[in-house]
């Protein structure tokens, strides 16, 4: 009921419009989280399912961070990321990337259902990154959040490739001549 007139509360109770860049950023992070929930249902290997669950939890951390106006409300410790969170994603990227063949052309999203869903996660993640960058033009955004989101889209790209590779599904390469 309190949002019926186009406003909502941030963490700490400050009211803001529903088209505020903060809301757009954490709303996009929430959308990404929902897509990851669907990706987790496509039968990923246990190590990736565990990492995806970890990522979903960290996206809640990011949403909490973005929903806190620190000029009014002190940031909670639970709203922070640490370098180890980023390293966990980077380590998995390196492992998966070493498994798949090197790329020599641009890929079109697709292949298995898991790969296609990972590509959707990648594109929504990139949009979340753009929205967070927009917030960062107005207020300070922790560099760990920026790094985490940037690495996350890379993870989804290589996860899509890995899912196709392990399913023996050919990747779909861009046909620059459109033949």
C-alpha atoms as a PDB file:
ATOM      1  CA  UNK A   1       0.000   0.000   0.000  1.00  0.00           C
ATOM      2  CA  UNK A   2       2.829   2.419   0.733  1.00  0.00           C
ATOM      3  CA  UNK A   3       4.113   1.980  -2.817  1.00  0.00           C
ATOM      4  CA  UNK A   4       0.841   2.704  -4.579  1.00  0.00           C
ATOM      5  CA  UNK A   5       1.955   6.232  -5.448  1.00  0.00           C
ATOM      6  CA  UNK A   6       5.202   5.262  -7.154  1.00  0.00           C
ATOM      7  CA  UNK A   7       7.568   5.359  -4.195  1.00  0.00           C
ATOM      8  CA  UNK A   8       9.237   2.718  -2.060  1.00  0.00           C
ATOM      9  CA  UNK A   9      11.541   2.505   0.950  1.00  0.00           C
ATOM     10  CA  UNK A  10      15.246   1.866   0.933  1.00  0.00           C
ATOM     11  CA  UNK A  11      17.016   0.067   3.765  1.00  0.00           C
ATOM     12  CA  UNK A  12      16.690   2.476   6.680  1.00  0.00           C
ATOM     13  CA  UNK A  13      13.290   3.798   5.644  1.00  0.00           C
ATOM     14  CA  UNK A  14      14.196   6.575   3.198  1.00  0.00           C
ATOM     15  CA  UNK A  15      11.551   6.935   0.500  1.00  0.00           C
ATOM     16  CA  UNK A  16      12.511   7.106  -3.154  1.00  0.00           C
ATOM     17  CA  UNK A  17      10.783   6.850  -6.511  1.00  0.00           C
ATOM     18  CA  UNK A  18      10.400   3.449  -8.103  1.00  0.00           C
ATOM     19  CA  UNK A  19      12.359   4.619 -11.147  1.00  0.00           C
ATOM     20  CA  UNK A  20      15.365   5.624  -9.026  1.00  0.00           C
ATOM     21  CA  UNK A  21      18.608   4.211 -10.534  1.00  0.00           C
ATOM     22  CA  UNK A  22      19.197   2.288  -7.286  1.00  0.00           C
ATOM     23  CA  UNK A  23      15.927   0.428  -7.675  1.00  0.00           C
ATOM     24  CA  UNK A  24      16.612  -0.261 -11.331  1.00  0.00           C
ATOM     25  CA  UNK A  25      20.023  -1.673 -10.339  1.00  0.00           C
ATOM     26  CA  UNK A  26      18.870  -3.928  -7.527  1.00  0.00           C
ATOM     27  CA  UNK A  27      15.755  -4.896  -9.464  1.00  0.00           C
ATOM     28  CA  UNK A  28      17.962  -6.093 -12.308  1.00  0.00           C
ATOM     29  CA  UNK A  29      20.138  -7.980  -9.816  1.00  0.00           C
ATOM     30  CA  UNK A  30      16.942  -9.613  -8.531  1.00  0.00           C
ATOM     31  CA  UNK A  31      15.946 -10.527 -12.093  1.00  0.00           C
ATOM     32  CA  UNK A  32      19.378 -12.099 -12.597  1.00  0.00           C
ATOM     33  CA  UNK A  33      18.901 -14.074  -9.406  1.00  0.00           C
ATOM     34  CA  UNK A  34      15.597 -15.454 -10.721  1.00  0.00           C
ATOM     35  CA  UNK A  35      17.261 -16.497 -13.987  1.00  0.00           C
ATOM     36  CA  UNK A  36      20.005 -18.248 -12.009  1.00  0.00           C
ATOM     37  CA  UNK A  37      17.280 -20.124 -10.141  1.00  0.00           C
ATOM     38  CA  UNK A  38      16.053 -21.428 -13.482  1.00  0.00           C
ATOM     39  CA  UNK A  39      19.606 -22.203 -14.620  1.00  0.00           C
ATOM     40  CA  UNK A  40      20.099 -24.312 -11.496  1.00  0.00           C
ATOM     41  CA  UNK A  41      17.186 -26.499 -12.630  1.00  0.00           C
ATOM     42  CA  UNK A  42      18.903 -27.449 -15.906  1.00  0.00           C
ATOM     43  CA  UNK A  43      21.145 -30.124 -14.402  1.00  0.00           C
ATOM     44  CA  UNK A  44      24.509 -28.437 -13.861  1.00  0.00           C
ATOM     45  CA  UNK A  45      27.359 -30.377 -12.306  1.00  0.00           C
ATOM     46  CA  UNK A  46      27.405 -30.278  -8.512  1.00  0.00           C
ATOM     47  CA  UNK A  47      30.351 -27.880  -8.316  1.00  0.00           C
ATOM     48  CA  UNK A  48      28.542 -25.392 -10.528  1.00  0.00           C
ATOM     49  CA  UNK A  49      25.237 -25.860  -8.738  1.00  0.00           C
ATOM     50  CA  UNK A  50      26.989 -25.093  -5.441  1.00  0.00           C
ATOM     51  CA  UNK A  51      28.648 -22.049  -6.992  1.00  0.00           C
ATOM     52  CA  UNK A  52      25.347 -20.867  -8.473  1.00  0.00           C
ATOM     53  CA  UNK A  53      23.712 -21.100  -5.046  1.00  0.00           C
ATOM     54  CA  UNK A  54      26.644 -19.145  -3.581  1.00  0.00           C
ATOM     55  CA  UNK A  55      26.168 -16.523  -6.322  1.00  0.00           C
ATOM     56  CA  UNK A  56      22.448 -16.266  -5.591  1.00  0.00           C
ATOM     57  CA  UNK A  57      23.234 -15.542  -1.952  1.00  0.00           C
ATOM     58  CA  UNK A  58      25.871 -12.969  -2.901  1.00  0.00           C
ATOM     59  CA  UNK A  59      23.396 -11.269  -5.231  1.00  0.00           C
ATOM     60  CA  UNK A  60      21.191 -10.714  -2.173  1.00  0.00           C
ATOM     61  CA  UNK A  61      24.209  -9.064  -0.534  1.00  0.00           C
ATOM     62  CA  UNK A  62      24.584  -6.802  -3.574  1.00  0.00           C
ATOM     63  CA  UNK A  63      20.871  -5.977  -3.560  1.00  0.00           C
ATOM     64  CA  UNK A  64      21.082  -5.021   0.108  1.00  0.00           C
ATOM     65  CA  UNK A  65      24.127  -2.865  -0.586  1.00  0.00           C
ATOM     66  CA  UNK A  66      22.403  -1.075  -3.456  1.00  0.00           C
ATOM     67  CA  UNK A  67      19.239  -0.566  -1.384  1.00  0.00           C
ATOM     68  CA  UNK A  68      21.161   1.192   1.393  1.00  0.00           C
ATOM     69  CA  UNK A  69      21.622   4.945   1.132  1.00  0.00           C
ATOM     70  CA  UNK A  70      24.749   5.286   3.256  1.00  0.00           C
ATOM     71  CA  UNK A  71      24.243   9.031   3.648  1.00  0.00           C
ATOM     72  CA  UNK A  72      21.316   8.107   5.946  1.00  0.00           C
ATOM     73  CA  UNK A  73      21.916   4.513   7.035  1.00  0.00           C
ATOM     74  CA  UNK A  74      25.067   2.670   8.037  1.00  0.00           C
ATOM     75  CA  UNK A  75      25.865  -0.263   5.779  1.00  0.00           C
ATOM     76  CA  UNK A  76      25.393  -3.619   7.486  1.00  0.00           C
ATOM     77  CA  UNK A  77      28.277  -6.076   7.492  1.00  0.00           C
ATOM     78  CA  UNK A  78      25.995  -8.573   5.709  1.00  0.00           C
ATOM     79  CA  UNK A  79      25.816  -6.087   2.800  1.00  0.00           C
ATOM     80  CA  UNK A  80      29.499  -6.367   1.898  1.00  0.00           C
ATOM     81  CA  UNK A  81      31.457  -8.564  -0.488  1.00  0.00           C
ATOM     82  CA  UNK A  82      35.067  -9.553   0.051  1.00  0.00           C
ATOM     83  CA  UNK A  83      37.868 -10.298  -2.430  1.00  0.00           C
ATOM     84  CA  UNK A  84      37.515 -14.037  -1.715  1.00  0.00           C
ATOM     85  CA  UNK A  85      33.998 -13.920  -3.187  1.00  0.00           C
ATOM     86  CA  UNK A  86      35.461 -12.674  -6.462  1.00  0.00           C
ATOM     87  CA  UNK A  87      38.337 -15.167  -6.339  1.00  0.00           C
ATOM     88  CA  UNK A  88      35.894 -18.062  -6.038  1.00  0.00           C
ATOM     89  CA  UNK A  89      34.282 -17.081  -9.343  1.00  0.00           C
ATOM     90  CA  UNK A  90      37.637 -16.408 -11.009  1.00  0.00           C
ATOM     91  CA  UNK A  91      38.930 -19.842  -9.997  1.00  0.00           C
ATOM     92  CA  UNK A  92      35.925 -21.559 -11.560  1.00  0.00           C
ATOM     93  CA  UNK A  93      36.246 -19.466 -14.723  1.00  0.00           C
ATOM     94  CA  UNK A  94      39.857 -20.607 -15.058  1.00  0.00           C
ATOM     95  CA  UNK A  95      38.903 -24.262 -14.505  1.00  0.00           C
ATOM     96  CA  UNK A  96      36.063 -24.226 -17.029  1.00  0.00           C
ATOM     97  CA  UNK A  97      37.993 -22.195 -19.593  1.00  0.00           C
ATOM     98  CA  UNK A  98      40.859 -24.697 -19.480  1.00  0.00           C
ATOM     99  CA  UNK A  99      38.357 -27.473 -20.276  1.00  0.00           C
ATOM    100  CA  UNK A 100      36.713 -26.045 -23.405  1.00  0.00           C
ATOM    101  CA  UNK A 101      38.431 -25.566 -26.777  1.00  0.00           C
ATOM    102  CA  UNK A 102      39.839 -22.106 -27.511  1.00  0.00           C
ATOM    103  CA  UNK A 103      37.491 -19.701 -29.255  1.00  0.00           C
ATOM    104  CA  UNK A 104      38.315 -18.467 -32.752  1.00  0.00           C
ATOM    105  CA  UNK A 105      34.995 -16.840 -33.635  1.00  0.00           C
ATOM    106  CA  UNK A 106      32.040 -15.081 -32.071  1.00  0.00           C
ATOM    107  CA  UNK A 107      29.364 -17.317 -30.586  1.00  0.00           C
ATOM    108  CA  UNK A 108      25.629 -17.066 -30.878  1.00  0.00           C
ATOM    109  CA  UNK A 109      23.759 -17.897 -27.673  1.00  0.00           C
ATOM    110  CA  UNK A 110      22.239 -21.354 -27.737  1.00  0.00           C
ATOM    111  CA  UNK A 111      22.977 -25.036 -27.716  1.00  0.00           C
ATOM    112  CA  UNK A 112      21.656 -27.006 -24.775  1.00  0.00           C
ATOM    113  CA  UNK A 113      18.944 -25.619 -22.516  1.00  0.00           C
ATOM    114  CA  UNK A 114      21.561 -25.108 -19.796  1.00  0.00           C
ATOM    115  CA  UNK A 115      23.872 -23.235 -22.159  1.00  0.00           C
ATOM    116  CA  UNK A 116      21.048 -21.058 -23.473  1.00  0.00           C
ATOM    117  CA  UNK A 117      19.951 -20.219 -19.917  1.00  0.00           C
ATOM    118  CA  UNK A 118      23.551 -19.406 -18.940  1.00  0.00           C
ATOM    119  CA  UNK A 119      23.648 -16.975 -21.879  1.00  0.00           C
ATOM    120  CA  UNK A 120      20.446 -15.343 -20.624  1.00  0.00           C
ATOM    121  CA  UNK A 121      22.084 -14.992 -17.205  1.00  0.00           C
ATOM    122  CA  UNK A 122      25.132 -13.455 -18.895  1.00  0.00           C
ATOM    123  CA  UNK A 123      23.092 -10.810 -20.701  1.00  0.00           C
ATOM    124  CA  UNK A 124      21.006  -9.920 -17.649  1.00  0.00           C
ATOM    125  CA  UNK A 125      24.228  -9.732 -15.635  1.00  0.00           C
ATOM    126  CA  UNK A 126      25.683  -7.286 -18.159  1.00  0.00           C
ATOM    127  CA  UNK A 127      22.541  -5.148 -17.841  1.00  0.00           C
ATOM    128  CA  UNK A 128      22.843  -5.263 -14.044  1.00  0.00           C
ATOM    129  CA  UNK A 129      26.436  -4.110 -14.420  1.00  0.00           C
ATOM    130  CA  UNK A 130      25.338  -1.156 -16.561  1.00  0.00           C
ATOM    131  CA  UNK A 131      22.674  -0.233 -13.997  1.00  0.00           C
ATOM    132  CA  UNK A 132      25.184  -0.450 -11.136  1.00  0.00           C
ATOM    133  CA  UNK A 133      27.586   1.750 -13.123  1.00  0.00           C
ATOM    134  CA  UNK A 134      24.784   4.297 -13.427  1.00  0.00           C
ATOM    135  CA  UNK A 135      24.375   4.276  -9.629  1.00  0.00           C
ATOM    136  CA  UNK A 136      28.156   4.614  -9.284  1.00  0.00           C
ATOM    137  CA  UNK A 137      27.984   7.897 -11.203  1.00  0.00           C
ATOM    138  CA  UNK A 138      25.932   9.330  -8.344  1.00  0.00           C
ATOM    139  CA  UNK A 139      27.259   7.553  -5.226  1.00  0.00           C
ATOM    140  CA  UNK A 140      30.259   5.484  -4.258  1.00  0.00           C
ATOM    141  CA  UNK A 141      29.839   1.790  -5.111  1.00  0.00           C
ATOM    142  CA  UNK A 142      32.240  -0.682  -3.545  1.00  0.00           C
ATOM    143  CA  UNK A 143      34.785  -1.906  -6.087  1.00  0.00           C
ATOM    144  CA  UNK A 144      34.226  -5.503  -4.956  1.00  0.00           C
ATOM    145  CA  UNK A 145      30.647  -5.269  -6.202  1.00  0.00           C
ATOM    146  CA  UNK A 146      31.794  -3.906  -9.551  1.00  0.00           C
ATOM    147  CA  UNK A 147      34.402  -6.672  -9.910  1.00  0.00           C
ATOM    148  CA  UNK A 148      32.031  -9.426  -8.780  1.00  0.00           C
ATOM    149  CA  UNK A 149      29.355  -8.494 -11.323  1.00  0.00           C
ATOM    150  CA  UNK A 150      31.921  -8.118 -14.101  1.00  0.00           C
ATOM    151  CA  UNK A 151      33.486 -11.525 -13.402  1.00  0.00           C
ATOM    152  CA  UNK A 152      30.049 -13.068 -13.035  1.00  0.00           C
ATOM    153  CA  UNK A 153      29.114 -12.351 -16.648  1.00  0.00           C
ATOM    154  CA  UNK A 154      32.394 -13.957 -17.722  1.00  0.00           C
ATOM    155  CA  UNK A 155      31.522 -17.003 -15.627  1.00  0.00           C
ATOM    156  CA  UNK A 156      28.130 -17.367 -17.318  1.00  0.00           C
ATOM    157  CA  UNK A 157      29.779 -17.175 -20.744  1.00  0.00           C
ATOM    158  CA  UNK A 158      32.279 -19.927 -19.999  1.00  0.00           C
ATOM    159  CA  UNK A 159      29.618 -21.975 -18.172  1.00  0.00           C
ATOM    160  CA  UNK A 160      27.479 -21.869 -21.325  1.00  0.00           C
ATOM    161  CA  UNK A 161      30.438 -23.088 -23.362  1.00  0.00           C
ATOM    162  CA  UNK A 162      31.215 -25.790 -20.794  1.00  0.00           C
ATOM    163  CA  UNK A 163      27.611 -27.012 -20.762  1.00  0.00           C
ATOM    164  CA  UNK A 164      27.630 -27.364 -24.544  1.00  0.00           C
ATOM    165  CA  UNK A 165      31.045 -29.017 -24.530  1.00  0.00           C
ATOM    166  CA  UNK A 166      30.185 -31.637 -21.909  1.00  0.00           C
ATOM    167  CA  UNK A 167      26.886 -32.396 -23.696  1.00  0.00           C
ATOM    168  CA  UNK A 168      28.797 -32.776 -26.988  1.00  0.00           C
ATOM    169  CA  UNK A 169      26.609 -30.022 -28.404  1.00  0.00           C
ATOM    170  CA  UNK A 170      28.249 -27.983 -31.145  1.00  0.00           C
ATOM    171  CA  UNK A 171      28.508 -24.311 -30.417  1.00  0.00           C
ATOM    172  CA  UNK A 172      26.783 -21.961 -32.813  1.00  0.00           C
ATOM    173  CA  UNK A 173      29.205 -19.559 -34.440  1.00  0.00           C
ATOM    174  CA  UNK A 174      28.284 -16.220 -35.945  1.00  0.00           C
ATOM    175  CA  UNK A 175      28.009 -16.405 -39.712  1.00  0.00           C
ATOM    176  CA  UNK A 176      29.301 -13.006 -40.750  1.00  0.00           C
ATOM    177  CA  UNK A 177      27.982 -13.608 -44.263  1.00  0.00           C
ATOM    178  CA  UNK A 178      24.554 -14.690 -42.892  1.00  0.00           C
ATOM    179  CA  UNK A 179      24.373 -17.686 -45.200  1.00  0.00           C
END
